């Protein structure tokens, strides 16, 4: 189990592989982000993307899954406070494979309990 005091600024880790399918792109978008370029292949071809692409929120959710499965399950964490500077710099397409890279930028203890703290 990893605790707050075990986390060091500057630590970089890469992990996971998540294969994205057309079916899950459409399923997620139909439920949460039903824009045409996420749910309709013909409409997507006419969009700026030129083909079906995953919702950015779906991409965030897939990334979270990678993070939980490969890192957070072994941490004594209590949840997140924010997602700073979230960007979707490239579209995620069917048959893409995602991986995740993390870097610890900063840590600071909780004012209430120095054994607990925050991690950026």
PDB file of N, CA and C in Angstrom:
ATOM      1  N   UNK A   1       0.843  -1.177   0.000  1.00  0.00           N
ATOM      2  CA  UNK A   1       0.000   0.000   0.000  1.00  0.00           C
ATOM      3  C   UNK A   1       0.893   1.246   0.000  1.00  0.00           C
ATOM      4  N   UNK A   2       0.546   2.212  -0.825  1.00  0.00           N
ATOM      5  CA  UNK A   2       1.303   3.460  -0.922  1.00  0.00           C
ATOM      6  C   UNK A   2       0.561   4.549  -0.137  1.00  0.00           C
ATOM      7  N   UNK A   3       1.312   5.284   0.679  1.00  0.00           N
ATOM      8  CA  UNK A   3       0.749   6.349   1.503  1.00  0.00           C
ATOM      9  C   UNK A   3       1.331   7.693   1.082  1.00  0.00           C
ATOM     10  N   UNK A   4       0.734   8.755   1.594  1.00  0.00           N
ATOM     11  CA  UNK A   4       1.166  10.103   1.226  1.00  0.00           C
ATOM     12  C   UNK A   4       2.671  10.280   1.377  1.00  0.00           C
ATOM     13  N   UNK A   5       3.225   9.827   2.475  1.00  0.00           N
ATOM     14  CA  UNK A   5       4.656  10.032   2.724  1.00  0.00           C
ATOM     15  C   UNK A   5       5.547   9.239   1.768  1.00  0.00           C
ATOM     16  N   UNK A   6       4.975   8.297   1.033  1.00  0.00           N
ATOM     17  CA  UNK A   6       5.740   7.509   0.069  1.00  0.00           C
ATOM     18  C   UNK A   6       5.849   8.179  -1.299  1.00  0.00           C
ATOM     19  N   UNK A   7       5.081   9.222  -1.529  1.00  0.00           N
ATOM     20  CA  UNK A   7       5.016   9.857  -2.845  1.00  0.00           C
ATOM     21  C   UNK A   7       6.067  10.960  -2.928  1.00  0.00           C
ATOM     22  N   UNK A   8       6.918  10.884  -3.961  1.00  0.00           N
ATOM     23  CA  UNK A   8       8.016  11.825  -4.115  1.00  0.00           C
ATOM     24  C   UNK A   8       7.820  12.705  -5.338  1.00  0.00           C
ATOM     25  N   UNK A   9       8.038  14.005  -5.157  1.00  0.00           N
ATOM     26  CA  UNK A   9       7.979  14.947  -6.269  1.00  0.00           C
ATOM     27  C   UNK A   9       9.003  14.528  -7.319  1.00  0.00           C
ATOM     28  N   UNK A  10       8.616  14.580  -8.582  1.00  0.00           N
ATOM     29  CA  UNK A  10       9.497  14.214  -9.678  1.00  0.00           C
ATOM     30  C   UNK A  10       9.320  12.791 -10.169  1.00  0.00           C
ATOM     31  N   UNK A  11       8.586  11.977  -9.423  1.00  0.00           N
ATOM     32  CA  UNK A  11       8.367  10.594  -9.840  1.00  0.00           C
ATOM     33  C   UNK A  11       7.539  10.557 -11.120  1.00  0.00           C
ATOM     34  N   UNK A  12       8.021   9.824 -12.107  1.00  0.00           N
ATOM     35  CA  UNK A  12       7.325   9.661 -13.383  1.00  0.00           C
ATOM     36  C   UNK A  12       7.030   8.180 -13.560  1.00  0.00           C
ATOM     37  N   UNK A  13       5.799   7.878 -13.941  1.00  0.00           N
ATOM     38  CA  UNK A  13       5.421   6.490 -14.200  1.00  0.00           C
ATOM     39  C   UNK A  13       4.582   6.422 -15.470  1.00  0.00           C
ATOM     40  N   UNK A  14       4.758   5.357 -16.215  1.00  0.00           N
ATOM     41  CA  UNK A  14       3.950   5.082 -17.408  1.00  0.00           C
ATOM     42  C   UNK A  14       3.373   3.697 -17.269  1.00  0.00           C
ATOM     43  N   UNK A  15       2.119   3.533 -17.649  1.00  0.00           N
ATOM     44  CA  UNK A  15       1.501   2.227 -17.500  1.00  0.00           C
ATOM     45  C   UNK A  15       0.233   2.093 -18.320  1.00  0.00           C
ATOM     46  N   UNK A  16      -0.152   0.834 -18.427  1.00  0.00           N
ATOM     47  CA  UNK A  16      -1.445   0.482 -18.991  1.00  0.00           C
ATOM     48  C   UNK A  16      -1.514   0.496 -20.499  1.00  0.00           C
ATOM     49  N   UNK A  17      -2.441  -0.270 -20.982  1.00  0.00           N
ATOM     50  CA  UNK A  17      -2.844  -0.232 -22.376  1.00  0.00           C
ATOM     51  C   UNK A  17      -4.339  -0.428 -22.401  1.00  0.00           C
ATOM     52  N   UNK A  18      -5.016   0.458 -23.088  1.00  0.00           N
ATOM     53  CA  UNK A  18      -6.465   0.375 -23.199  1.00  0.00           C
ATOM     54  C   UNK A  18      -6.824   0.505 -24.665  1.00  0.00           C
ATOM     55  N   UNK A  19      -7.392  -0.553 -25.221  1.00  0.00           N
ATOM     56  CA  UNK A  19      -7.783  -0.570 -26.631  1.00  0.00           C
ATOM     57  C   UNK A  19      -9.193   0.006 -26.760  1.00  0.00           C
ATOM     58  N   UNK A  20      -9.340   1.027 -27.582  1.00  0.00           N
ATOM     59  CA  UNK A  20     -10.607   1.736 -27.753  1.00  0.00           C
ATOM     60  C   UNK A  20     -11.379   1.133 -28.930  1.00  0.00           C
ATOM     61  N   UNK A  21     -12.648   0.809 -28.700  1.00  0.00           N
ATOM     62  CA  UNK A  21     -13.473   0.251 -29.773  1.00  0.00           C
ATOM     63  C   UNK A  21     -14.510   1.263 -30.257  1.00  0.00           C
ATOM     64  N   UNK A  22     -14.907   1.089 -31.500  1.00  0.00           N
ATOM     65  CA  UNK A  22     -15.955   1.934 -32.077  1.00  0.00           C
ATOM     66  C   UNK A  22     -17.243   1.794 -31.285  1.00  0.00           C
ATOM     67  N   UNK A  23     -17.553   0.586 -30.880  1.00  0.00           N
ATOM     68  CA  UNK A  23     -18.797   0.334 -30.153  1.00  0.00           C
ATOM     69  C   UNK A  23     -18.848   1.101 -28.835  1.00  0.00           C
ATOM     70  N   UNK A  24     -17.741   1.114 -28.102  1.00  0.00           N
ATOM     71  CA  UNK A  24     -17.772   1.821 -26.826  1.00  0.00           C
ATOM     72  C   UNK A  24     -17.761   3.336 -27.017  1.00  0.00           C
ATOM     73  N   UNK A  25     -17.135   3.824 -28.080  1.00  0.00           N
ATOM     74  CA  UNK A  25     -17.193   5.260 -28.382  1.00  0.00           C
ATOM     75  C   UNK A  25     -18.644   5.693 -28.577  1.00  0.00           C
ATOM     76  N   UNK A  26     -19.366   4.938 -29.400  1.00  0.00           N
ATOM     77  CA  UNK A  26     -20.761   5.264 -29.681  1.00  0.00           C
ATOM     78  C   UNK A  26     -21.624   5.088 -28.434  1.00  0.00           C
ATOM     79  N   UNK A  27     -21.419   4.002 -27.707  1.00  0.00           N
ATOM     80  CA  UNK A  27     -22.219   3.737 -26.507  1.00  0.00           C
ATOM     81  C   UNK A  27     -22.059   4.860 -25.472  1.00  0.00           C
ATOM     82  N   UNK A  28     -20.831   5.264 -25.207  1.00  0.00           N
ATOM     83  CA  UNK A  28     -20.593   6.347 -24.246  1.00  0.00           C
ATOM     84  C   UNK A  28     -21.237   7.642 -24.745  1.00  0.00           C
ATOM     85  N   UNK A  29     -21.012   7.961 -26.011  1.00  0.00           N
ATOM     86  CA  UNK A  29     -21.523   9.224 -26.554  1.00  0.00           C
ATOM     87  C   UNK A  29     -23.046   9.259 -26.587  1.00  0.00           C
ATOM     88  N   UNK A  30     -23.675   8.152 -26.936  1.00  0.00           N
ATOM     89  CA  UNK A  30     -25.140   8.140 -26.947  1.00  0.00           C
ATOM     90  C   UNK A  30     -25.698   8.441 -25.564  1.00  0.00           C
ATOM     91  N   UNK A  31     -24.987   8.006 -24.564  1.00  0.00           N
ATOM     92  CA  UNK A  31     -25.470   8.207 -23.201  1.00  0.00           C
ATOM     93  C   UNK A  31     -25.090   9.569 -22.620  1.00  0.00           C
ATOM     94  N   UNK A  32     -23.870  10.061 -22.912  1.00  0.00           N
ATOM     95  CA  UNK A  32     -23.361  11.238 -22.221  1.00  0.00           C
ATOM     96  C   UNK A  32     -22.972  12.428 -23.107  1.00  0.00           C
ATOM     97  N   UNK A  33     -22.656  12.225 -24.354  1.00  0.00           N
ATOM     98  CA  UNK A  33     -22.161  13.321 -25.202  1.00  0.00           C
ATOM     99  C   UNK A  33     -22.579  13.073 -26.651  1.00  0.00           C
ATOM    100  N   UNK A  34     -23.891  13.160 -26.940  1.00  0.00           N
ATOM    101  CA  UNK A  34     -24.407  12.726 -28.241  1.00  0.00           C
ATOM    102  C   UNK A  34     -24.184  13.711 -29.400  1.00  0.00           C
ATOM    103  N   UNK A  35     -22.963  14.181 -29.540  1.00  0.00           N
ATOM    104  CA  UNK A  35     -22.645  15.016 -30.696  1.00  0.00           C
ATOM    105  C   UNK A  35     -22.460  14.105 -31.907  1.00  0.00           C
ATOM    106  N   UNK A  36     -22.842  14.586 -33.099  1.00  0.00           N
ATOM    107  CA  UNK A  36     -22.835  13.719 -34.294  1.00  0.00           C
ATOM    108  C   UNK A  36     -21.506  13.039 -34.586  1.00  0.00           C
ATOM    109  N   UNK A  37     -20.381  13.712 -34.357  1.00  0.00           N
ATOM    110  CA  UNK A  37     -19.080  13.104 -34.676  1.00  0.00           C
ATOM    111  C   UNK A  37     -18.664  12.036 -33.682  1.00  0.00           C
ATOM    112  N   UNK A  38     -19.473  11.832 -32.626  1.00  0.00           N
ATOM    113  CA  UNK A  38     -19.229  10.750 -31.672  1.00  0.00           C
ATOM    114  C   UNK A  38     -20.155   9.554 -31.905  1.00  0.00           C
ATOM    115  N   UNK A  39     -21.281   9.772 -32.588  1.00  0.00           N
ATOM    116  CA  UNK A  39     -22.283   8.696 -32.670  1.00  0.00           C
ATOM    117  C   UNK A  39     -22.676   8.286 -34.083  1.00  0.00           C
ATOM    118  N   UNK A  40     -22.336   9.095 -35.086  1.00  0.00           N
ATOM    119  CA  UNK A  40     -22.796   8.820 -36.454  1.00  0.00           C
ATOM    120  C   UNK A  40     -21.604   8.881 -37.404  1.00  0.00           C
ATOM    121  N   UNK A  41     -21.255   7.740 -37.979  1.00  0.00           N
ATOM    122  CA  UNK A  41     -20.066   7.693 -38.832  1.00  0.00           C
ATOM    123  C   UNK A  41     -20.166   8.604 -40.041  1.00  0.00           C
ATOM    124  N   UNK A  42     -21.341   8.672 -40.669  1.00  0.00           N
ATOM    125  CA  UNK A  42     -21.505   9.535 -41.839  1.00  0.00           C
ATOM    126  C   UNK A  42     -21.344  11.007 -41.451  1.00  0.00           C
ATOM    127  N   UNK A  43     -21.960  11.404 -40.366  1.00  0.00           N
ATOM    128  CA  UNK A  43     -21.826  12.787 -39.899  1.00  0.00           C
ATOM    129  C   UNK A  43     -20.382  13.070 -39.488  1.00  0.00           C
ATOM    130  N   UNK A  44     -19.732  12.102 -38.881  1.00  0.00           N
ATOM    131  CA  UNK A  44     -18.344  12.276 -38.445  1.00  0.00           C
ATOM    132  C   UNK A  44     -17.419  12.499 -39.640  1.00  0.00           C
ATOM    133  N   UNK A  45     -17.701  11.826 -40.758  1.00  0.00           N
ATOM    134  CA  UNK A  45     -16.882  12.007 -41.964  1.00  0.00           C
ATOM    135  C   UNK A  45     -16.950  13.437 -42.479  1.00  0.00           C
ATOM    136  N   UNK A  46     -18.060  14.103 -42.239  1.00  0.00           N
ATOM    137  CA  UNK A  46     -18.250  15.488 -42.683  1.00  0.00           C
ATOM    138  C   UNK A  46     -17.749  16.507 -41.649  1.00  0.00           C
ATOM    139  N   UNK A  47     -17.325  16.037 -40.503  1.00  0.00           N
ATOM    140  CA  UNK A  47     -16.869  16.927 -39.441  1.00  0.00           C
ATOM    141  C   UNK A  47     -15.392  17.285 -39.625  1.00  0.00           C
ATOM    142  N   UNK A  48     -14.902  18.134 -38.755  1.00  0.00           N
ATOM    143  CA  UNK A  48     -13.481  18.511 -38.774  1.00  0.00           C
ATOM    144  C   UNK A  48     -12.575  17.318 -38.513  1.00  0.00           C
ATOM    145  N   UNK A  49     -13.108  16.264 -37.882  1.00  0.00           N
ATOM    146  CA  UNK A  49     -12.311  15.084 -37.556  1.00  0.00           C
ATOM    147  C   UNK A  49     -12.192  14.113 -38.722  1.00  0.00           C
ATOM    148  N   UNK A  50     -13.188  14.106 -39.609  1.00  0.00           N
ATOM    149  CA  UNK A  50     -13.153  13.225 -40.768  1.00  0.00           C
ATOM    150  C   UNK A  50     -13.524  11.784 -40.487  1.00  0.00           C
ATOM    151  N   UNK A  51     -13.734  11.458 -39.231  1.00  0.00           N
ATOM    152  CA  UNK A  51     -14.158  10.122 -38.837  1.00  0.00           C
ATOM    153  C   UNK A  51     -14.668  10.151 -37.404  1.00  0.00           C
ATOM    154  N   UNK A  52     -15.247   9.056 -36.973  1.00  0.00           N
ATOM    155  CA  UNK A  52     -15.766   8.921 -35.624  1.00  0.00           C
ATOM    156  C   UNK A  52     -14.635   9.114 -34.612  1.00  0.00           C
ATOM    157  N   UNK A  53     -14.888   9.893 -33.568  1.00  0.00           N
ATOM    158  CA  UNK A  53     -13.903  10.100 -32.507  1.00  0.00           C
ATOM    159  C   UNK A  53     -14.590  10.001 -31.151  1.00  0.00           C
ATOM    160  N   UNK A  54     -13.816   9.652 -30.156  1.00  0.00           N
ATOM    161  CA  UNK A  54     -14.343   9.538 -28.791  1.00  0.00           C
ATOM    162  C   UNK A  54     -14.578  10.920 -28.197  1.00  0.00           C
ATOM    163  N   UNK A  55     -15.574  11.009 -27.362  1.00  0.00           N
ATOM    164  CA  UNK A  55     -15.798  12.206 -26.565  1.00  0.00           C
ATOM    165  C   UNK A  55     -14.579  12.443 -25.681  1.00  0.00           C
ATOM    166  N   UNK A  56     -14.253  13.704 -25.460  1.00  0.00           N
ATOM    167  CA  UNK A  56     -13.163  14.012 -24.537  1.00  0.00           C
ATOM    168  C   UNK A  56     -13.445  13.481 -23.144  1.00  0.00           C
ATOM    169  N   UNK A  57     -14.717  13.502 -22.755  1.00  0.00           N
ATOM    170  CA  UNK A  57     -15.086  12.984 -21.431  1.00  0.00           C
ATOM    171  C   UNK A  57     -14.924  11.471 -21.371  1.00  0.00           C
ATOM    172  N   UNK A  58     -15.146  10.799 -22.492  1.00  0.00           N
ATOM    173  CA  UNK A  58     -14.898   9.361 -22.558  1.00  0.00           C
ATOM    174  C   UNK A  58     -13.397   9.100 -22.429  1.00  0.00           C
ATOM    175  N   UNK A  59     -12.607   9.916 -23.095  1.00  0.00           N
ATOM    176  CA  UNK A  59     -11.149   9.788 -22.997  1.00  0.00           C
ATOM    177  C   UNK A  59     -10.694   9.971 -21.557  1.00  0.00           C
ATOM    178  N   UNK A  60     -11.264  10.963 -20.879  1.00  0.00           N
ATOM    179  CA  UNK A  60     -10.929  11.183 -19.466  1.00  0.00           C
ATOM    180  C   UNK A  60     -11.319   9.963 -18.627  1.00  0.00           C
ATOM    181  N   UNK A  61     -12.486   9.388 -18.907  1.00  0.00           N
ATOM    182  CA  UNK A  61     -12.946   8.222 -18.147  1.00  0.00           C
ATOM    183  C   UNK A  61     -12.044   7.007 -18.396  1.00  0.00           C
ATOM    184  N   UNK A  62     -11.634   6.795 -19.646  1.00  0.00           N
ATOM    185  CA  UNK A  62     -10.730   5.681 -19.944  1.00  0.00           C
ATOM    186  C   UNK A  62      -9.382   5.885 -19.254  1.00  0.00           C
ATOM    187  N   UNK A  63      -8.912   7.130 -19.232  1.00  0.00           N
ATOM    188  CA  UNK A  63      -7.655   7.444 -18.549  1.00  0.00           C
ATOM    189  C   UNK A  63      -7.774   7.193 -17.050  1.00  0.00           C
ATOM    190  N   UNK A  64      -8.915   7.550 -16.497  1.00  0.00           N
ATOM    191  CA  UNK A  64      -9.139   7.303 -15.067  1.00  0.00           C
ATOM    192  C   UNK A  64      -9.103   5.813 -14.777  1.00  0.00           C
ATOM    193  N   UNK A  65      -9.691   5.021 -15.675  1.00  0.00           N
ATOM    194  CA  UNK A  65      -9.669   3.565 -15.484  1.00  0.00           C
ATOM    195  C   UNK A  65      -8.235   3.041 -15.455  1.00  0.00           C
ATOM    196  N   UNK A  66      -7.412   3.522 -16.378  1.00  0.00           N
ATOM    197  CA  UNK A  66      -6.005   3.124 -16.387  1.00  0.00           C
ATOM    198  C   UNK A  66      -5.315   3.526 -15.091  1.00  0.00           C
ATOM    199  N   UNK A  67      -5.618   4.725 -14.612  1.00  0.00           N
ATOM    200  CA  UNK A  67      -4.993   5.234 -13.387  1.00  0.00           C
ATOM    201  C   UNK A  67      -5.402   4.410 -12.172  1.00  0.00           C
ATOM    202  N   UNK A  68      -6.683   4.091 -12.070  1.00  0.00           N
ATOM    203  CA  UNK A  68      -7.163   3.278 -10.947  1.00  0.00           C
ATOM    204  C   UNK A  68      -6.548   1.885 -11.001  1.00  0.00           C
ATOM    205  N   UNK A  69      -6.636   1.237 -12.152  1.00  0.00           N
ATOM    206  CA  UNK A  69      -6.160  -0.141 -12.275  1.00  0.00           C
ATOM    207  C   UNK A  69      -4.657  -0.287 -12.046  1.00  0.00           C
ATOM    208  N   UNK A  70      -3.889   0.730 -12.409  1.00  0.00           N
ATOM    209  CA  UNK A  70      -2.433   0.601 -12.394  1.00  0.00           C
ATOM    210  C   UNK A  70      -1.726   1.403 -11.312  1.00  0.00           C
ATOM    211  N   UNK A  71      -2.481   2.224 -10.570  1.00  0.00           N
ATOM    212  CA  UNK A  71      -1.829   3.056  -9.562  1.00  0.00           C
ATOM    213  C   UNK A  71      -2.677   3.227  -8.307  1.00  0.00           C
ATOM    214  N   UNK A  72      -3.860   3.780  -8.456  1.00  0.00           N
ATOM    215  CA  UNK A  72      -4.656   4.161  -7.290  1.00  0.00           C
ATOM    216  C   UNK A  72      -5.122   2.998  -6.427  1.00  0.00           C
ATOM    217  N   UNK A  73      -5.299   1.815  -7.021  1.00  0.00           N
ATOM    218  CA  UNK A  73      -5.734   0.676  -6.215  1.00  0.00           C
ATOM    219  C   UNK A  73      -4.750   0.333  -5.118  1.00  0.00           C
ATOM    220  N   UNK A  74      -3.511   0.752  -5.286  1.00  0.00           N
ATOM    221  CA  UNK A  74      -2.486   0.463  -4.293  1.00  0.00           C
ATOM    222  C   UNK A  74      -2.136   1.692  -3.459  1.00  0.00           C
ATOM    223  N   UNK A  75      -3.011   2.695  -3.501  1.00  0.00           N
ATOM    224  CA  UNK A  75      -2.796   3.911  -2.714  1.00  0.00           C
ATOM    225  C   UNK A  75      -3.879   4.050  -1.657  1.00  0.00           C
ATOM    226  N   UNK A  76      -3.500   4.652  -0.557  1.00  0.00           N
ATOM    227  CA  UNK A  76      -4.462   4.916   0.505  1.00  0.00           C
ATOM    228  C   UNK A  76      -5.137   6.260   0.255  1.00  0.00           C
ATOM    229  N   UNK A  77      -5.526   6.516  -0.974  1.00  0.00           N
ATOM    230  CA  UNK A  77      -6.123   7.792  -1.354  1.00  0.00           C
ATOM    231  C   UNK A  77      -7.577   7.909  -0.939  1.00  0.00           C
ATOM    232  N   UNK A  78      -8.020   9.138  -0.871  1.00  0.00           N
ATOM    233  CA  UNK A  78      -9.398   9.401  -0.472  1.00  0.00           C
ATOM    234  C   UNK A  78     -10.148  10.179  -1.543  1.00  0.00           C
ATOM    235  N   UNK A  79      -9.689  10.153  -2.775  1.00  0.00           N
ATOM    236  CA  UNK A  79     -10.381  10.847  -3.849  1.00  0.00           C
ATOM    237  C   UNK A  79      -9.625  12.070  -4.320  1.00  0.00           C
ATOM    238  N   UNK A  80     -10.163  12.653  -5.378  1.00  0.00           N
ATOM    239  CA  UNK A  80      -9.519  13.814  -5.973  1.00  0.00           C
ATOM    240  C   UNK A  80     -10.268  15.097  -5.679  1.00  0.00           C
ATOM    241  N   UNK A  81      -9.535  16.198  -5.765  1.00  0.00           N
ATOM    242  CA  UNK A  81     -10.113  17.517  -5.500  1.00  0.00           C
ATOM    243  C   UNK A  81     -10.361  18.301  -6.780  1.00  0.00           C
ATOM    244  N   UNK A  82      -9.573  18.018  -7.833  1.00  0.00           N
ATOM    245  CA  UNK A  82      -9.717  18.784  -9.065  1.00  0.00           C
ATOM    246  C   UNK A  82      -8.979  18.078 -10.192  1.00  0.00           C
ATOM    247  N   UNK A  83      -9.222  18.580 -11.388  1.00  0.00           N
ATOM    248  CA  UNK A  83      -8.484  18.152 -12.574  1.00  0.00           C
ATOM    249  C   UNK A  83      -8.024  19.437 -13.262  1.00  0.00           C
ATOM    250  N   UNK A  84      -6.833  19.870 -12.940  1.00  0.00           N
ATOM    251  CA  UNK A  84      -6.318  21.122 -13.476  1.00  0.00           C
ATOM    252  C   UNK A  84      -5.775  20.921 -14.888  1.00  0.00           C
ATOM    253  N   UNK A  85      -6.012  21.889 -15.727  1.00  0.00           N
ATOM    254  CA  UNK A  85      -5.444  21.921 -17.081  1.00  0.00           C
ATOM    255  C   UNK A  85      -5.774  20.699 -17.923  1.00  0.00           C
ATOM    256  N   UNK A  86      -6.987  20.238 -17.846  1.00  0.00           N
ATOM    257  CA  UNK A  86      -7.423  19.109 -18.665  1.00  0.00           C
ATOM    258  C   UNK A  86      -7.504  19.558 -20.119  1.00  0.00           C
ATOM    259  N   UNK A  87      -6.821  18.845 -21.008  1.00  0.00           N
ATOM    260  CA  UNK A  87      -6.782  19.194 -22.429  1.00  0.00           C
ATOM    261  C   UNK A  87      -6.960  17.939 -23.267  1.00  0.00           C
ATOM    262  N   UNK A  88      -7.616  18.106 -24.407  1.00  0.00           N
ATOM    263  CA  UNK A  88      -7.741  17.028 -25.384  1.00  0.00           C
ATOM    264  C   UNK A  88      -6.995  17.498 -26.624  1.00  0.00           C
ATOM    265  N   UNK A  89      -5.724  17.163 -26.698  1.00  0.00           N
ATOM    266  CA  UNK A  89      -4.879  17.692 -27.762  1.00  0.00           C
ATOM    267  C   UNK A  89      -4.981  16.927 -29.062  1.00  0.00           C
ATOM    268  N   UNK A  90      -5.366  15.661 -28.995  1.00  0.00           N
ATOM    269  CA  UNK A  90      -5.557  14.861 -30.207  1.00  0.00           C
ATOM    270  C   UNK A  90      -6.791  14.009 -30.019  1.00  0.00           C
ATOM    271  N   UNK A  91      -7.564  13.821 -31.073  1.00  0.00           N
ATOM    272  CA  UNK A  91      -8.758  12.981 -30.944  1.00  0.00           C
ATOM    273  C   UNK A  91      -8.389  11.509 -30.760  1.00  0.00           C
ATOM    274  N   UNK A  92      -9.226  10.816 -30.023  1.00  0.00           N
ATOM    275  CA  UNK A  92      -9.086   9.370 -29.852  1.00  0.00           C
ATOM    276  C   UNK A  92     -10.044   8.704 -30.827  1.00  0.00           C
ATOM    277  N   UNK A  93      -9.519   7.785 -31.599  1.00  0.00           N
ATOM    278  CA  UNK A  93     -10.275   7.146 -32.683  1.00  0.00           C
ATOM    279  C   UNK A  93     -10.452   5.651 -32.392  1.00  0.00           C
ATOM    280  N   UNK A  94     -11.413   5.030 -33.059  1.00  0.00           N
ATOM    281  CA  UNK A  94     -11.560   3.581 -32.901  1.00  0.00           C
ATOM    282  C   UNK A  94     -10.248   2.870 -33.230  1.00  0.00           C
ATOM    283  N   UNK A  95      -9.942   1.869 -32.457  1.00  0.00           N
ATOM    284  CA  UNK A  95      -8.739   1.039 -32.582  1.00  0.00           C
ATOM    285  C   UNK A  95      -7.469   1.696 -32.048  1.00  0.00           C
ATOM    286  N   UNK A  96      -7.570   2.906 -31.492  1.00  0.00           N
ATOM    287  CA  UNK A  96      -6.417   3.486 -30.807  1.00  0.00           C
ATOM    288  C   UNK A  96      -6.162   2.694 -29.526  1.00  0.00           C
ATOM    289  N   UNK A  97      -4.930   2.711 -29.073  1.00  0.00           N
ATOM    290  CA  UNK A  97      -4.569   2.130 -27.790  1.00  0.00           C
ATOM    291  C   UNK A  97      -4.008   3.245 -26.920  1.00  0.00           C
ATOM    292  N   UNK A  98      -4.627   3.423 -25.766  1.00  0.00           N
ATOM    293  CA  UNK A  98      -4.218   4.475 -24.846  1.00  0.00           C
ATOM    294  C   UNK A  98      -3.290   3.918 -23.773  1.00  0.00           C
ATOM    295  N   UNK A  99      -2.378   4.750 -23.331  1.00  0.00           N
ATOM    296  CA  UNK A  99      -1.555   4.456 -22.156  1.00  0.00           C
ATOM    297  C   UNK A  99      -1.516   5.744 -21.342  1.00  0.00           C
ATOM    298  N   UNK A 100      -0.963   5.657 -20.160  1.00  0.00           N
ATOM    299  CA  UNK A 100      -0.988   6.801 -19.254  1.00  0.00           C
ATOM    300  C   UNK A 100       0.406   7.065 -18.713  1.00  0.00           C
ATOM    301  N   UNK A 101       0.756   8.344 -18.626  1.00  0.00           N
ATOM    302  CA  UNK A 101       2.019   8.766 -18.036  1.00  0.00           C
ATOM    303  C   UNK A 101       1.676   9.777 -16.954  1.00  0.00           C
ATOM    304  N   UNK A 102       2.225   9.573 -15.770  1.00  0.00           N
ATOM    305  CA  UNK A 102       1.986  10.504 -14.666  1.00  0.00           C
ATOM    306  C   UNK A 102       3.318  11.059 -14.180  1.00  0.00           C
ATOM    307  N   UNK A 103       3.257  12.267 -13.657  1.00  0.00           N
ATOM    308  CA  UNK A 103       4.428  12.883 -13.030  1.00  0.00           C
ATOM    309  C   UNK A 103       3.953  13.618 -11.785  1.00  0.00           C
ATOM    310  N   UNK A 104       4.594  13.363 -10.673  1.00  0.00           N
ATOM    311  CA  UNK A 104       4.260  14.048  -9.430  1.00  0.00           C
ATOM    312  C   UNK A 104       4.951  15.411  -9.459  1.00  0.00           C
ATOM    313  N   UNK A 105       4.155  16.471  -9.492  1.00  0.00           N
ATOM    314  CA  UNK A 105       4.682  17.827  -9.581  1.00  0.00           C
ATOM    315  C   UNK A 105       4.859  18.492  -8.227  1.00  0.00           C
ATOM    316  N   UNK A 106       3.988  18.145  -7.276  1.00  0.00           N
ATOM    317  CA  UNK A 106       4.052  18.792  -5.977  1.00  0.00           C
ATOM    318  C   UNK A 106       3.293  17.949  -4.955  1.00  0.00           C
ATOM    319  N   UNK A 107       3.665  18.059  -3.706  1.00  0.00           N
ATOM    320  CA  UNK A 107       2.930  17.459  -2.591  1.00  0.00           C
ATOM    321  C   UNK A 107       2.910  18.468  -1.453  1.00  0.00           C
ATOM    322  N   UNK A 108       1.850  18.455  -0.676  1.00  0.00           N
ATOM    323  CA  UNK A 108       1.796  19.288   0.520  1.00  0.00           C
ATOM    324  C   UNK A 108       0.863  18.646   1.524  1.00  0.00           C
ATOM    325  N   UNK A 109       1.252  18.715   2.805  1.00  0.00           N
ATOM    326  CA  UNK A 109       0.471  18.036   3.841  1.00  0.00           C
ATOM    327  C   UNK A 109      -0.843  18.758   4.135  1.00  0.00           C
ATOM    328  N   UNK A 110      -1.786  17.991   4.611  1.00  0.00           N
ATOM    329  CA  UNK A 110      -3.046  18.540   5.088  1.00  0.00           C
ATOM    330  C   UNK A 110      -2.787  19.358   6.344  1.00  0.00           C
ATOM    331  N   UNK A 111      -3.504  20.455   6.488  1.00  0.00           N
ATOM    332  CA  UNK A 111      -3.353  21.261   7.714  1.00  0.00           C
ATOM    333  C   UNK A 111      -3.875  20.509   8.930  1.00  0.00           C
ATOM    334  N   UNK A 112      -4.839  19.605   8.709  1.00  0.00           N
ATOM    335  CA  UNK A 112      -5.465  18.881   9.809  1.00  0.00           C
ATOM    336  C   UNK A 112      -4.702  17.627  10.228  1.00  0.00           C
ATOM    337  N   UNK A 113      -3.970  17.020   9.292  1.00  0.00           N
ATOM    338  CA  UNK A 113      -3.297  15.756   9.585  1.00  0.00           C
ATOM    339  C   UNK A 113      -2.063  15.649   8.698  1.00  0.00           C
ATOM    340  N   UNK A 114      -0.872  15.856   9.219  1.00  0.00           N
ATOM    341  CA  UNK A 114       0.345  15.841   8.389  1.00  0.00           C
ATOM    342  C   UNK A 114       0.655  14.482   7.752  1.00  0.00           C
ATOM    343  N   UNK A 115      -0.014  13.411   8.195  1.00  0.00           N
ATOM    344  CA  UNK A 115       0.170  12.094   7.560  1.00  0.00           C
ATOM    345  C   UNK A 115      -0.619  12.014   6.273  1.00  0.00           C
ATOM    346  N   UNK A 116      -1.481  12.978   6.044  1.00  0.00           N
ATOM    347  CA  UNK A 116      -2.295  13.026   4.824  1.00  0.00           C
ATOM    348  C   UNK A 116      -1.945  14.298   4.084  1.00  0.00           C
ATOM    349  N   UNK A 117      -2.227  14.289   2.797  1.00  0.00           N
ATOM    350  CA  UNK A 117      -1.906  15.500   2.055  1.00  0.00           C
ATOM    351  C   UNK A 117      -2.449  15.472   0.655  1.00  0.00           C
ATOM    352  N   UNK A 118      -1.938  16.378  -0.120  1.00  0.00           N
ATOM    353  CA  UNK A 118      -2.381  16.583  -1.496  1.00  0.00           C
ATOM    354  C   UNK A 118      -1.237  16.341  -2.452  1.00  0.00           C
ATOM    355  N   UNK A 119      -1.582  15.868  -3.643  1.00  0.00           N
ATOM    356  CA  UNK A 119      -0.588  15.558  -4.662  1.00  0.00           C
ATOM    357  C   UNK A 119      -1.040  16.175  -5.975  1.00  0.00           C
ATOM    358  N   UNK A 120      -0.130  16.883  -6.631  1.00  0.00           N
ATOM    359  CA  UNK A 120      -0.383  17.378  -7.977  1.00  0.00           C
ATOM    360  C   UNK A 120       0.496  16.588  -8.910  1.00  0.00           C
TER     361      UNK A 120
END
